[in-house]
Amino acid sequence: MLLGGAACYEAIIMRQAFSNGLLMSVVELVCVKFAVVVEKDEDGYYVASVPELPGCHTQAKTLDELTERVKEAIEAYLAAVGTKPKEGVELVGFQFVEVQAK
Protein backbone atom coordinates (compact mmCIF):
# COMPACT_ATOMS: atom_id res chain seq x y z
CA MET A 1 0.00 0.00 0.00
CA LEU A 2 1.22 3.46 -0.76
CA LEU A 3 0.04 6.66 0.88
CA GLY A 4 0.82 10.12 -0.34
CA GLY A 5 1.92 12.38 2.46
CA ALA A 6 2.38 16.12 2.34
CA ALA A 7 4.22 17.95 5.04
CA CYS A 8 3.64 21.65 5.45
CA TYR A 9 5.92 23.81 7.49
CA GLU A 10 6.71 27.48 7.91
CA ALA A 11 9.78 28.71 6.10
CA ILE A 12 11.34 32.12 6.19
CA ILE A 13 11.92 33.04 2.57
CA MET A 14 13.91 36.10 1.68
CA ARG A 15 12.41 37.96 -1.21
CA GLN A 16 12.23 41.49 -2.45
CA ALA A 17 9.32 42.94 -0.54
CA PHE A 18 9.63 46.65 -0.11
CA SER A 19 7.74 48.61 2.45
CA ASN A 20 8.89 52.18 2.87
CA GLY A 21 12.09 51.20 1.04
CA LEU A 22 12.99 48.36 3.47
CA LEU A 23 13.72 44.76 2.46
CA MET A 24 11.50 42.41 4.45
CA SER A 25 11.64 38.67 5.11
CA VAL A 26 8.36 36.88 4.55
CA VAL A 27 7.14 33.73 6.31
CA GLU A 28 5.42 31.35 3.91
CA LEU A 29 3.78 27.95 4.32
CA VAL A 30 5.66 25.41 2.20
CA CYS A 31 4.21 21.98 1.33
CA VAL A 32 6.28 19.01 0.13
CA LYS A 33 4.88 15.65 -1.02
CA PHE A 34 6.46 12.32 -0.08
CA ALA A 35 5.67 8.73 -1.01
CA VAL A 36 4.91 6.60 2.04
CA VAL A 37 5.22 2.81 2.07
CA VAL A 38 2.71 1.05 4.34
CA GLU A 39 2.97 -2.53 5.58
CA LYS A 40 1.01 -4.52 8.14
CA ASP A 41 3.14 -6.30 10.73
CA GLU A 42 2.57 -9.62 12.49
CA ASP A 43 0.82 -7.90 15.41
CA GLY A 44 -1.70 -6.17 13.15
CA TYR A 45 -0.10 -2.71 13.28
CA TYR A 46 0.25 -0.61 10.15
CA VAL A 47 3.84 0.52 9.69
CA ALA A 48 4.73 3.49 7.49
CA SER A 49 8.15 4.46 6.18
CA VAL A 50 9.26 7.32 3.96
CA PRO A 51 11.98 6.15 1.54
CA GLU A 52 13.16 9.71 0.81
CA LEU A 53 13.75 10.39 4.52
CA PRO A 54 16.02 7.69 6.00
CA GLY A 55 14.86 6.66 9.47
CA CYS A 56 11.47 8.34 9.13
CA HIS A 57 8.83 5.80 10.10
CA THR A 58 5.91 5.28 12.45
CA GLN A 59 3.12 2.81 13.26
CA ALA A 60 -0.55 2.78 14.27
CA LYS A 61 -3.54 0.46 14.71
CA THR A 62 -5.64 2.14 11.98
CA LEU A 63 -4.87 3.69 8.60
CA ASP A 64 -6.47 6.98 9.63
CA GLU A 65 -4.27 7.17 12.71
CA LEU A 66 -1.25 6.14 10.63
CA THR A 67 -1.84 8.97 8.17
CA GLU A 68 -1.82 11.54 10.97
CA ARG A 69 1.23 9.99 12.62
CA VAL A 70 3.26 9.83 9.41
CA LYS A 71 2.55 13.50 8.75
CA GLU A 72 3.81 14.28 12.27
CA ALA A 73 6.90 12.10 11.70
CA ILE A 74 7.69 13.86 8.41
CA GLU A 75 7.25 17.29 9.98
CA ALA A 76 9.50 16.33 12.92
CA TYR A 77 12.12 14.92 10.53
CA LEU A 78 12.12 18.08 8.42
CA ALA A 79 12.38 20.26 11.53
CA ALA A 80 15.33 18.25 12.88
CA VAL A 81 17.25 17.36 9.73
CA GLY A 82 16.19 19.99 7.23
CA THR A 83 14.02 20.23 4.20
CA LYS A 84 16.24 18.48 1.66
CA PRO A 85 15.14 14.88 0.98
CA LYS A 86 17.68 12.15 0.23
CA GLU A 87 18.80 12.59 -3.35
CA GLY A 88 18.65 9.76 -5.84
CA VAL A 89 15.61 8.11 -4.24
CA GLU A 90 12.60 7.89 -6.49
CA LEU A 91 9.78 5.53 -5.69
CA VAL A 92 8.72 4.12 -9.04
CA GLY A 93 6.20 1.50 -7.95
CA PHE A 94 5.70 -1.95 -6.53
CA GLN A 95 6.06 -5.30 -8.17
CA PHE A 96 5.00 -8.59 -6.63
CA VAL A 97 7.21 -11.53 -7.55
CA GLU A 98 6.20 -15.12 -6.86
CA VAL A 99 8.85 -17.80 -6.43
CA GLN A 100 8.61 -21.42 -5.47
CA ALA A 101 9.60 -22.07 -1.85
CA LYS A 102 11.94 -24.99 -1.28
PDB file of N, CA and C in Angstrom:
ATOM      1  N   MET A   1       0.847  -1.171   0.000  1.00  0.00           N
ATOM      2  CA  MET A   1       0.000   0.000   0.000  1.00  0.00           C
ATOM      3  C   MET A   1       0.885   1.224   0.000  1.00  0.00           C
ATOM      4  N   LEU A   2       0.450   2.241  -0.649  1.00  0.00           N
ATOM      5  CA  LEU A   2       1.215   3.465  -0.757  1.00  0.00           C
ATOM      6  C   LEU A   2       0.316   4.645  -0.414  1.00  0.00           C
ATOM      7  N   LEU A   3       0.763   5.440   0.523  1.00  0.00           N
ATOM      8  CA  LEU A   3       0.040   6.659   0.876  1.00  0.00           C
ATOM      9  C   LEU A   3       0.828   7.842   0.359  1.00  0.00           C
ATOM     10  N   GLY A   4       0.144   8.875   0.014  1.00  0.00           N
ATOM     11  CA  GLY A   4       0.824  10.122  -0.338  1.00  0.00           C
ATOM     12  C   GLY A   4       0.766  11.037   0.864  1.00  0.00           C
ATOM     13  N   GLY A   5       1.893  11.499   1.307  1.00  0.00           N
ATOM     14  CA  GLY A   5       1.918  12.385   2.461  1.00  0.00           C
ATOM     15  C   GLY A   5       2.443  13.744   2.062  1.00  0.00           C
ATOM     16  N   ALA A   6       1.876  14.772   2.583  1.00  0.00           N
ATOM     17  CA  ALA A   6       2.376  16.122   2.337  1.00  0.00           C
ATOM     18  C   ALA A   6       2.667  16.754   3.677  1.00  0.00           C
ATOM     19  N   ALA A   7       3.847  17.275   3.809  1.00  0.00           N
ATOM     20  CA  ALA A   7       4.221  17.950   5.045  1.00  0.00           C
ATOM     21  C   ALA A   7       4.275  19.440   4.771  1.00  0.00           C
ATOM     22  N   CYS A   8       3.619  20.199   5.590  1.00  0.00           N
ATOM     23  CA  CYS A   8       3.640  21.647   5.445  1.00  0.00           C
ATOM     24  C   CYS A   8       4.360  22.227   6.657  1.00  0.00           C
ATOM     25  N   TYR A   9       5.189  23.195   6.410  1.00  0.00           N
ATOM     26  CA  TYR A   9       5.923  23.811   7.493  1.00  0.00           C
ATOM     27  C   TYR A   9       6.155  25.275   7.136  1.00  0.00           C
ATOM     28  N   GLU A  10       6.445  26.064   8.150  1.00  0.00           N
ATOM     29  CA  GLU A  10       6.707  27.475   7.906  1.00  0.00           C
ATOM     30  C   GLU A  10       8.168  27.639   7.523  1.00  0.00           C
ATOM     31  N   ALA A  11       8.420  28.433   6.522  1.00  0.00           N
ATOM     32  CA  ALA A  11       9.784  28.710   6.098  1.00  0.00           C
ATOM     33  C   ALA A  11       9.935  30.218   5.937  1.00  0.00           C
ATOM     34  N   ILE A  12      11.062  30.702   6.377  1.00  0.00           N
ATOM     35  CA  ILE A  12      11.338  32.116   6.186  1.00  0.00           C
ATOM     36  C   ILE A  12      12.041  32.231   4.840  1.00  0.00           C
ATOM     37  N   ILE A  13      11.412  32.918   3.926  1.00  0.00           N
ATOM     38  CA  ILE A  13      11.922  33.038   2.574  1.00  0.00           C
ATOM     39  C   ILE A  13      12.256  34.509   2.328  1.00  0.00           C
ATOM     40  N   MET A  14      13.503  34.737   1.977  1.00  0.00           N
ATOM     41  CA  MET A  14      13.914  36.104   1.683  1.00  0.00           C
ATOM     42  C   MET A  14      13.482  36.441   0.264  1.00  0.00           C
ATOM     43  N   ARG A  15      12.788  37.496   0.116  1.00  0.00           N
ATOM     44  CA  ARG A  15      12.414  37.957  -1.213  1.00  0.00           C
ATOM     45  C   ARG A  15      12.292  39.475  -1.184  1.00  0.00           C
ATOM     46  N   GLN A  16      12.312  40.036  -2.339  1.00  0.00           N
ATOM     47  CA  GLN A  16      12.229  41.487  -2.453  1.00  0.00           C
ATOM     48  C   GLN A  16      10.807  41.931  -2.128  1.00  0.00           C
ATOM     49  N   ALA A  17      10.605  42.384  -0.943  1.00  0.00           N
ATOM     50  CA  ALA A  17       9.321  42.938  -0.540  1.00  0.00           C
ATOM     51  C   ALA A  17       9.620  44.291   0.100  1.00  0.00           C
ATOM     52  N   PHE A  18       9.291  45.329  -0.605  1.00  0.00           N
ATOM     53  CA  PHE A  18       9.629  46.653  -0.114  1.00  0.00           C
ATOM     54  C   PHE A  18       8.442  47.312   0.563  1.00  0.00           C
ATOM     55  N   SER A  19       8.718  47.818   1.733  1.00  0.00           N
ATOM     56  CA  SER A  19       7.739  48.610   2.453  1.00  0.00           C
ATOM     57  C   SER A  19       8.497  49.810   2.979  1.00  0.00           C
ATOM     58  N   ASN A  20       8.161  50.955   2.511  1.00  0.00           N
ATOM     59  CA  ASN A  20       8.887  52.179   2.875  1.00  0.00           C
ATOM     60  C   ASN A  20      10.377  52.052   2.562  1.00  0.00           C
ATOM     61  N   GLY A  21      10.695  51.321   1.464  1.00  0.00           N
ATOM     62  CA  GLY A  21      12.086  51.198   1.036  1.00  0.00           C
ATOM     63  C   GLY A  21      12.895  50.164   1.808  1.00  0.00           C
ATOM     64  N   LEU A  22      12.263  49.357   2.680  1.00  0.00           N
ATOM     65  CA  LEU A  22      12.987  48.364   3.469  1.00  0.00           C
ATOM     66  C   LEU A  22      12.757  46.963   2.896  1.00  0.00           C
ATOM     67  N   LEU A  23      13.825  46.155   2.876  1.00  0.00           N
ATOM     68  CA  LEU A  23      13.719  44.760   2.457  1.00  0.00           C
ATOM     69  C   LEU A  23      13.174  43.954   3.630  1.00  0.00           C
ATOM     70  N   MET A  24      12.137  43.164   3.378  1.00  0.00           N
ATOM     71  CA  MET A  24      11.497  42.411   4.451  1.00  0.00           C
ATOM     72  C   MET A  24      11.637  40.915   4.193  1.00  0.00           C
ATOM     73  N   SER A  25      11.701  40.126   5.256  1.00  0.00           N
ATOM     74  CA  SER A  25      11.636  38.673   5.111  1.00  0.00           C
ATOM     75  C   SER A  25      10.187  38.261   5.313  1.00  0.00           C
ATOM     76  N   VAL A  26       9.756  37.288   4.541  1.00  0.00           N
ATOM     77  CA  VAL A  26       8.356  36.879   4.553  1.00  0.00           C
ATOM     78  C   VAL A  26       8.275  35.420   4.980  1.00  0.00           C
ATOM     79  N   VAL A  27       7.349  35.107   5.881  1.00  0.00           N
ATOM     80  CA  VAL A  27       7.137  33.729   6.308  1.00  0.00           C
ATOM     81  C   VAL A  27       6.053  33.129   5.419  1.00  0.00           C
ATOM     82  N   GLU A  28       6.381  32.011   4.781  1.00  0.00           N
ATOM     83  CA  GLU A  28       5.420  31.346   3.907  1.00  0.00           C
ATOM     84  C   GLU A  28       5.232  29.904   4.358  1.00  0.00           C
ATOM     85  N   LEU A  29       4.072  29.352   4.047  1.00  0.00           N
ATOM     86  CA  LEU A  29       3.784  27.954   4.324  1.00  0.00           C
ATOM     87  C   LEU A  29       4.191  27.149   3.101  1.00  0.00           C
ATOM     88  N   VAL A  30       5.121  26.216   3.288  1.00  0.00           N
ATOM     89  CA  VAL A  30       5.655  25.414   2.198  1.00  0.00           C
ATOM     90  C   VAL A  30       5.170  23.986   2.366  1.00  0.00           C
ATOM     91  N   CYS A  31       4.668  23.362   1.285  1.00  0.00           N
ATOM     92  CA  CYS A  31       4.215  21.976   1.333  1.00  0.00           C
ATOM     93  C   CYS A  31       5.079  21.130   0.409  1.00  0.00           C
ATOM     94  N   VAL A  32       5.459  19.949   0.891  1.00  0.00           N
ATOM     95  CA  VAL A  32       6.278  19.014   0.133  1.00  0.00           C
ATOM     96  C   VAL A  32       5.579  17.665   0.174  1.00  0.00           C
ATOM     97  N   LYS A  33       5.520  16.963  -0.962  1.00  0.00           N
ATOM     98  CA  LYS A  33       4.881  15.646  -1.017  1.00  0.00           C
ATOM     99  C   LYS A  33       5.926  14.539  -0.935  1.00  0.00           C
ATOM    100  N   PHE A  34       5.580  13.483  -0.206  1.00  0.00           N
ATOM    101  CA  PHE A  34       6.455  12.317  -0.080  1.00  0.00           C
ATOM    102  C   PHE A  34       5.640  11.047  -0.309  1.00  0.00           C
ATOM    103  N   ALA A  35       6.279  10.054  -0.901  1.00  0.00           N
ATOM    104  CA  ALA A  35       5.671   8.730  -1.010  1.00  0.00           C
ATOM    105  C   ALA A  35       5.867   8.029   0.328  1.00  0.00           C
ATOM    106  N   VAL A  36       4.850   7.311   0.766  1.00  0.00           N
ATOM    107  CA  VAL A  36       4.908   6.602   2.045  1.00  0.00           C
ATOM    108  C   VAL A  36       4.566   5.135   1.784  1.00  0.00           C
ATOM    109  N   VAL A  37       5.446   4.244   2.222  1.00  0.00           N
ATOM    110  CA  VAL A  37       5.221   2.808   2.073  1.00  0.00           C
ATOM    111  C   VAL A  37       4.552   2.302   3.347  1.00  0.00           C
ATOM    112  N   VAL A  38       3.467   1.550   3.184  1.00  0.00           N
ATOM    113  CA  VAL A  38       2.708   1.049   4.337  1.00  0.00           C
ATOM    114  C   VAL A  38       2.682  -0.473   4.294  1.00  0.00           C
ATOM    115  N   GLU A  39       3.017  -1.067   5.425  1.00  0.00           N
ATOM    116  CA  GLU A  39       2.970  -2.527   5.577  1.00  0.00           C
ATOM    117  C   GLU A  39       2.171  -2.852   6.833  1.00  0.00           C
ATOM    118  N   LYS A  40       1.693  -4.073   6.926  1.00  0.00           N
ATOM    119  CA  LYS A  40       1.010  -4.521   8.140  1.00  0.00           C
ATOM    120  C   LYS A  40       1.905  -5.567   8.784  1.00  0.00           C
ATOM    121  N   ASP A  41       2.235  -5.368  10.069  1.00  0.00           N
ATOM    122  CA  ASP A  41       3.141  -6.304  10.733  1.00  0.00           C
ATOM    123  C   ASP A  41       2.396  -7.490  11.340  1.00  0.00           C
ATOM    124  N   GLU A  42       3.152  -8.382  11.944  1.00  0.00           N
ATOM    125  CA  GLU A  42       2.571  -9.621  12.485  1.00  0.00           C
ATOM    126  C   GLU A  42       1.631  -9.391  13.664  1.00  0.00           C
ATOM    127  N   ASP A  43       1.714  -8.225  14.295  1.00  0.00           N
ATOM    128  CA  ASP A  43       0.823  -7.897  15.412  1.00  0.00           C
ATOM    129  C   ASP A  43      -0.405  -7.111  14.970  1.00  0.00           C
ATOM    130  N   GLY A  44      -0.545  -6.877  13.660  1.00  0.00           N
ATOM    131  CA  GLY A  44      -1.698  -6.165  13.147  1.00  0.00           C
ATOM    132  C   GLY A  44      -1.533  -4.659  13.053  1.00  0.00           C
ATOM    133  N   TYR A  45      -0.358  -4.143  13.389  1.00  0.00           N
ATOM    134  CA  TYR A  45      -0.102  -2.708  13.278  1.00  0.00           C
ATOM    135  C   TYR A  45       0.244  -2.350  11.841  1.00  0.00           C
ATOM    136  N   TYR A  46      -0.184  -1.168  11.427  1.00  0.00           N
ATOM    137  CA  TYR A  46       0.248  -0.611  10.151  1.00  0.00           C
ATOM    138  C   TYR A  46       1.547   0.137  10.390  1.00  0.00           C
ATOM    139  N   VAL A  47       2.526  -0.103   9.552  1.00  0.00           N
ATOM    140  CA  VAL A  47       3.840   0.515   9.693  1.00  0.00           C
ATOM    141  C   VAL A  47       4.116   1.335   8.436  1.00  0.00           C
ATOM    142  N   ALA A  48       4.461   2.598   8.614  1.00  0.00           N
ATOM    143  CA  ALA A  48       4.734   3.490   7.490  1.00  0.00           C
ATOM    144  C   ALA A  48       6.198   3.905   7.506  1.00  0.00           C
ATOM    145  N   SER A  49       6.792   3.937   6.321  1.00  0.00           N
ATOM    146  CA  SER A  49       8.149   4.458   6.182  1.00  0.00           C
ATOM    147  C   SER A  49       8.199   5.376   4.969  1.00  0.00           C
ATOM    148  N   VAL A  50       9.112   6.328   5.029  1.00  0.00           N
ATOM    149  CA  VAL A  50       9.257   7.322   3.964  1.00  0.00           C
ATOM    150  C   VAL A  50      10.629   7.109   3.328  1.00  0.00           C
ATOM    151  N   PRO A  51      10.693   6.472   2.155  1.00  0.00           N
ATOM    152  CA  PRO A  51      11.980   6.152   1.540  1.00  0.00           C
ATOM    153  C   PRO A  51      12.901   7.359   1.318  1.00  0.00           C
ATOM    154  N   GLU A  52      12.352   8.512   1.050  1.00  0.00           N
ATOM    155  CA  GLU A  52      13.158   9.709   0.807  1.00  0.00           C
ATOM    156  C   GLU A  52      13.778  10.289   2.080  1.00  0.00           C
ATOM    157  N   LEU A  53      13.270   9.866   3.240  1.00  0.00           N
ATOM    158  CA  LEU A  53      13.746  10.394   4.517  1.00  0.00           C
ATOM    159  C   LEU A  53      14.232   9.226   5.380  1.00  0.00           C
ATOM    160  N   PRO A  54      15.499   8.851   5.261  1.00  0.00           N
ATOM    161  CA  PRO A  54      16.021   7.692   5.996  1.00  0.00           C
ATOM    162  C   PRO A  54      15.737   7.775   7.497  1.00  0.00           C
ATOM    163  N   GLY A  55      15.169   6.709   8.044  1.00  0.00           N
ATOM    164  CA  GLY A  55      14.856   6.661   9.467  1.00  0.00           C
ATOM    165  C   GLY A  55      13.509   7.257   9.830  1.00  0.00           C
ATOM    166  N   CYS A  56      12.777   7.743   8.855  1.00  0.00           N
ATOM    167  CA  CYS A  56      11.472   8.336   9.125  1.00  0.00           C
ATOM    168  C   CYS A  56      10.400   7.269   8.974  1.00  0.00           C
ATOM    169  N   HIS A  57       9.857   6.832  10.099  1.00  0.00           N
ATOM    170  CA  HIS A  57       8.828   5.798  10.096  1.00  0.00           C
ATOM    171  C   HIS A  57       7.984   5.907  11.353  1.00  0.00           C
ATOM    172  N   THR A  58       6.807   5.275  11.314  1.00  0.00           N
ATOM    173  CA  THR A  58       5.906   5.278  12.455  1.00  0.00           C
ATOM    174  C   THR A  58       4.945   4.106  12.315  1.00  0.00           C
ATOM    175  N   GLN A  59       4.102   3.902  13.318  1.00  0.00           N
ATOM    176  CA  GLN A  59       3.124   2.815  13.264  1.00  0.00           C
ATOM    177  C   GLN A  59       1.841   3.222  13.963  1.00  0.00           C
ATOM    178  N   ALA A  60       0.748   2.504  13.642  1.00  0.00           N
ATOM    179  CA  ALA A  60      -0.550   2.780  14.266  1.00  0.00           C
ATOM    180  C   ALA A  60      -1.472   1.584  14.054  1.00  0.00           C
ATOM    181  N   LYS A  61      -2.551   1.550  14.820  1.00  0.00           N
ATOM    182  CA  LYS A  61      -3.539   0.464  14.712  1.00  0.00           C
ATOM    183  C   LYS A  61      -4.465   0.637  13.510  1.00  0.00           C
ATOM    184  N   THR A  62      -4.732   1.896  13.106  1.00  0.00           N
ATOM    185  CA  THR A  62      -5.644   2.141  11.984  1.00  0.00           C
ATOM    186  C   THR A  62      -4.937   2.968  10.917  1.00  0.00           C
ATOM    187  N   LEU A  63      -5.456   2.903   9.686  1.00  0.00           N
ATOM    188  CA  LEU A  63      -4.872   3.688   8.601  1.00  0.00           C
ATOM    189  C   LEU A  63      -5.089   5.179   8.808  1.00  0.00           C
ATOM    190  N   ASP A  64      -6.227   5.560   9.362  1.00  0.00           N
ATOM    191  CA  ASP A  64      -6.469   6.980   9.634  1.00  0.00           C
ATOM    192  C   ASP A  64      -5.465   7.527  10.638  1.00  0.00           C
ATOM    193  N   GLU A  65      -5.243   6.766  11.698  1.00  0.00           N
ATOM    194  CA  GLU A  65      -4.272   7.169  12.712  1.00  0.00           C
ATOM    195  C   GLU A  65      -2.860   7.182  12.119  1.00  0.00           C
ATOM    196  N   LEU A  66      -2.562   6.212  11.263  1.00  0.00           N
ATOM    197  CA  LEU A  66      -1.249   6.138  10.630  1.00  0.00           C
ATOM    198  C   LEU A  66      -0.989   7.369   9.757  1.00  0.00           C
ATOM    199  N   THR A  67      -1.991   7.793   9.031  1.00  0.00           N
ATOM    200  CA  THR A  67      -1.843   8.969   8.172  1.00  0.00           C
ATOM    201  C   THR A  67      -1.473  10.195   8.993  1.00  0.00           C
ATOM    202  N   GLU A  68      -2.139  10.399  10.105  1.00  0.00           N
ATOM    203  CA  GLU A  68      -1.821  11.535  10.974  1.00  0.00           C
ATOM    204  C   GLU A  68      -0.423  11.404  11.558  1.00  0.00           C
ATOM    205  N   ARG A  69      -0.082  10.201  12.000  1.00  0.00           N
ATOM    206  CA  ARG A  69       1.235   9.987  12.615  1.00  0.00           C
ATOM    207  C   ARG A  69       2.374  10.154  11.618  1.00  0.00           C
ATOM    208  N   VAL A  70       2.176   9.699  10.388  1.00  0.00           N
ATOM    209  CA  VAL A  70       3.261   9.825   9.410  1.00  0.00           C
ATOM    210  C   VAL A  70       3.459  11.288   9.028  1.00  0.00           C
ATOM    211  N   LYS A  71       2.395  12.065   8.986  1.00  0.00           N
ATOM    212  CA  LYS A  71       2.550  13.505   8.752  1.00  0.00           C
ATOM    213  C   LYS A  71       3.358  14.142   9.873  1.00  0.00           C
ATOM    214  N   GLU A  72       3.056  13.765  11.123  1.00  0.00           N
ATOM    215  CA  GLU A  72       3.810  14.284  12.272  1.00  0.00           C
ATOM    216  C   GLU A  72       5.269  13.860  12.201  1.00  0.00           C
ATOM    217  N   ALA A  73       5.520  12.603  11.797  1.00  0.00           N
ATOM    218  CA  ALA A  73       6.899  12.100  11.698  1.00  0.00           C
ATOM    219  C   ALA A  73       7.675  12.860  10.623  1.00  0.00           C
ATOM    220  N   ILE A  74       7.038  13.112   9.491  1.00  0.00           N
ATOM    221  CA  ILE A  74       7.692  13.860   8.413  1.00  0.00           C
ATOM    222  C   ILE A  74       8.000  15.280   8.862  1.00  0.00           C
ATOM    223  N   GLU A  75       7.037  15.928   9.497  1.00  0.00           N
ATOM    224  CA  GLU A  75       7.246  17.291   9.975  1.00  0.00           C
ATOM    225  C   GLU A  75       8.375  17.348  11.003  1.00  0.00           C
ATOM    226  N   ALA A  76       8.432  16.371  11.915  1.00  0.00           N
ATOM    227  CA  ALA A  76       9.505  16.325  12.919  1.00  0.00           C
ATOM    228  C   ALA A  76      10.855  16.088  12.247  1.00  0.00           C
ATOM    229  N   TYR A  77      10.886  15.195  11.262  1.00  0.00           N
ATOM    230  CA  TYR A  77      12.116  14.918  10.526  1.00  0.00           C
ATOM    231  C   TYR A  77      12.617  16.189   9.843  1.00  0.00           C
ATOM    232  N   LEU A  78      11.728  16.877   9.134  1.00  0.00           N
ATOM    233  CA  LEU A  78      12.122  18.085   8.420  1.00  0.00           C
ATOM    234  C   LEU A  78      12.594  19.175   9.374  1.00  0.00           C
ATOM    235  N   ALA A  79      11.964  19.265  10.541  1.00  0.00           N
ATOM    236  CA  ALA A  79      12.376  20.264  11.534  1.00  0.00           C
ATOM    237  C   ALA A  79      13.760  19.947  12.091  1.00  0.00           C
ATOM    238  N   ALA A  80      14.059  18.650  12.279  1.00  0.00           N
ATOM    239  CA  ALA A  80      15.327  18.245  12.880  1.00  0.00           C
ATOM    240  C   ALA A  80      16.468  18.180  11.871  1.00  0.00           C
ATOM    241  N   VAL A  81      16.188  17.647  10.705  1.00  0.00           N
ATOM    242  CA  VAL A  81      17.250  17.362   9.734  1.00  0.00           C
ATOM    243  C   VAL A  81      17.327  18.418   8.633  1.00  0.00           C
ATOM    244  N   GLY A  82      16.220  19.016   8.319  1.00  0.00           N
ATOM    245  CA  GLY A  82      16.192  19.994   7.232  1.00  0.00           C
ATOM    246  C   GLY A  82      15.201  19.585   6.167  1.00  0.00           C
ATOM    247  N   THR A  83      15.063  20.430   5.194  1.00  0.00           N
ATOM    248  CA  THR A  83      14.020  20.232   4.198  1.00  0.00           C
ATOM    249  C   THR A  83      14.475  19.477   2.961  1.00  0.00           C
ATOM    250  N   LYS A  84      15.753  19.124   2.877  1.00  0.00           N
ATOM    251  CA  LYS A  84      16.241  18.477   1.662  1.00  0.00           C
ATOM    252  C   LYS A  84      16.130  16.958   1.774  1.00  0.00           C
ATOM    253  N   PRO A  85      15.266  16.332   0.956  1.00  0.00           N
ATOM    254  CA  PRO A  85      15.137  14.879   0.976  1.00  0.00           C
ATOM    255  C   PRO A  85      16.396  14.206   0.433  1.00  0.00           C
ATOM    256  N   LYS A  86      16.553  12.937   0.723  1.00  0.00           N
ATOM    257  CA  LYS A  86      17.677  12.148   0.234  1.00  0.00           C
ATOM    258  C   LYS A  86      17.646  12.136  -1.291  1.00  0.00           C
ATOM    259  N   GLU A  87      18.752  12.538  -1.895  1.00  0.00           N
ATOM    260  CA  GLU A  87      18.801  12.595  -3.351  1.00  0.00           C
ATOM    261  C   GLU A  87      18.990  11.207  -3.940  1.00  0.00           C
ATOM    262  N   GLY A  88      18.481  11.025  -5.137  1.00  0.00           N
ATOM    263  CA  GLY A  88      18.651   9.758  -5.836  1.00  0.00           C
ATOM    264  C   GLY A  88      17.586   8.731  -5.504  1.00  0.00           C
ATOM    265  N   VAL A  89      16.674   9.046  -4.590  1.00  0.00           N
ATOM    266  CA  VAL A  89      15.610   8.114  -4.237  1.00  0.00           C
ATOM    267  C   VAL A  89      14.347   8.533  -4.964  1.00  0.00           C
ATOM    268  N   GLU A  90      13.848   7.645  -5.782  1.00  0.00           N
ATOM    269  CA  GLU A  90      12.597   7.891  -6.487  1.00  0.00           C
ATOM    270  C   GLU A  90      11.778   6.622  -6.419  1.00  0.00           C
ATOM    271  N   LEU A  91      10.649   6.691  -5.782  1.00  0.00           N
ATOM    272  CA  LEU A  91       9.779   5.528  -5.691  1.00  0.00           C
ATOM    273  C   LEU A  91       9.025   5.399  -7.001  1.00  0.00           C
ATOM    274  N   VAL A  92       9.302   4.322  -7.722  1.00  0.00           N
ATOM    275  CA  VAL A  92       8.721   4.121  -9.039  1.00  0.00           C
ATOM    276  C   VAL A  92       7.438   3.316  -8.959  1.00  0.00           C
ATOM    277  N   GLY A  93       7.398   2.316  -8.087  1.00  0.00           N
ATOM    278  CA  GLY A  93       6.204   1.496  -7.955  1.00  0.00           C
ATOM    279  C   GLY A  93       6.527   0.206  -7.217  1.00  0.00           C
ATOM    280  N   PHE A  94       5.539  -0.662  -7.189  1.00  0.00           N
ATOM    281  CA  PHE A  94       5.699  -1.953  -6.533  1.00  0.00           C
ATOM    282  C   PHE A  94       5.519  -3.054  -7.554  1.00  0.00           C
ATOM    283  N   GLN A  95       6.217  -4.131  -7.329  1.00  0.00           N
ATOM    284  CA  GLN A  95       6.062  -5.296  -8.168  1.00  0.00           C
ATOM    285  C   GLN A  95       6.057  -6.520  -7.262  1.00  0.00           C
ATOM    286  N   PHE A  96       5.063  -7.352  -7.403  1.00  0.00           N
ATOM    287  CA  PHE A  96       4.997  -8.593  -6.630  1.00  0.00           C
ATOM    288  C   PHE A  96       5.589  -9.704  -7.460  1.00  0.00           C
ATOM    289  N   VAL A  97       6.533 -10.431  -6.867  1.00  0.00           N
ATOM    290  CA  VAL A  97       7.211 -11.529  -7.554  1.00  0.00           C
ATOM    291  C   VAL A  97       6.930 -12.805  -6.783  1.00  0.00           C
ATOM    292  N   GLU A  98       6.483 -13.835  -7.484  1.00  0.00           N
ATOM    293  CA  GLU A  98       6.200 -15.122  -6.858  1.00  0.00           C
ATOM    294  C   GLU A  98       7.297 -16.099  -7.217  1.00  0.00           C
ATOM    295  N   VAL A  99       7.844 -16.766  -6.213  1.00  0.00           N
ATOM    296  CA  VAL A  99       8.851 -17.801  -6.425  1.00  0.00           C
ATOM    297  C   VAL A  99       8.426 -19.058  -5.682  1.00  0.00           C
ATOM    298  N   GLN A 100       8.930 -20.157  -6.111  1.00  0.00           N
ATOM    299  CA  GLN A 100       8.612 -21.422  -5.468  1.00  0.00           C
ATOM    300  C   GLN A 100       9.493 -21.595  -4.235  1.00  0.00           C
ATOM    301  N   ALA A 101       8.863 -21.841  -3.086  1.00  0.00           N
ATOM    302  CA  ALA A 101       9.602 -22.068  -1.847  1.00  0.00           C
ATOM    303  C   ALA A 101      10.131 -23.488  -1.827  1.00  0.00           C
ATOM    304  N   LYS A 102      11.335 -23.647  -1.355  1.00  0.00           N
ATOM    305  CA  LYS A 102      11.943 -24.988  -1.278  1.00  0.00           C
ATOM    306  C   LYS A 102      11.908 -25.532   0.118  1.00  0.00           C
TER     307      LYS A 102
END
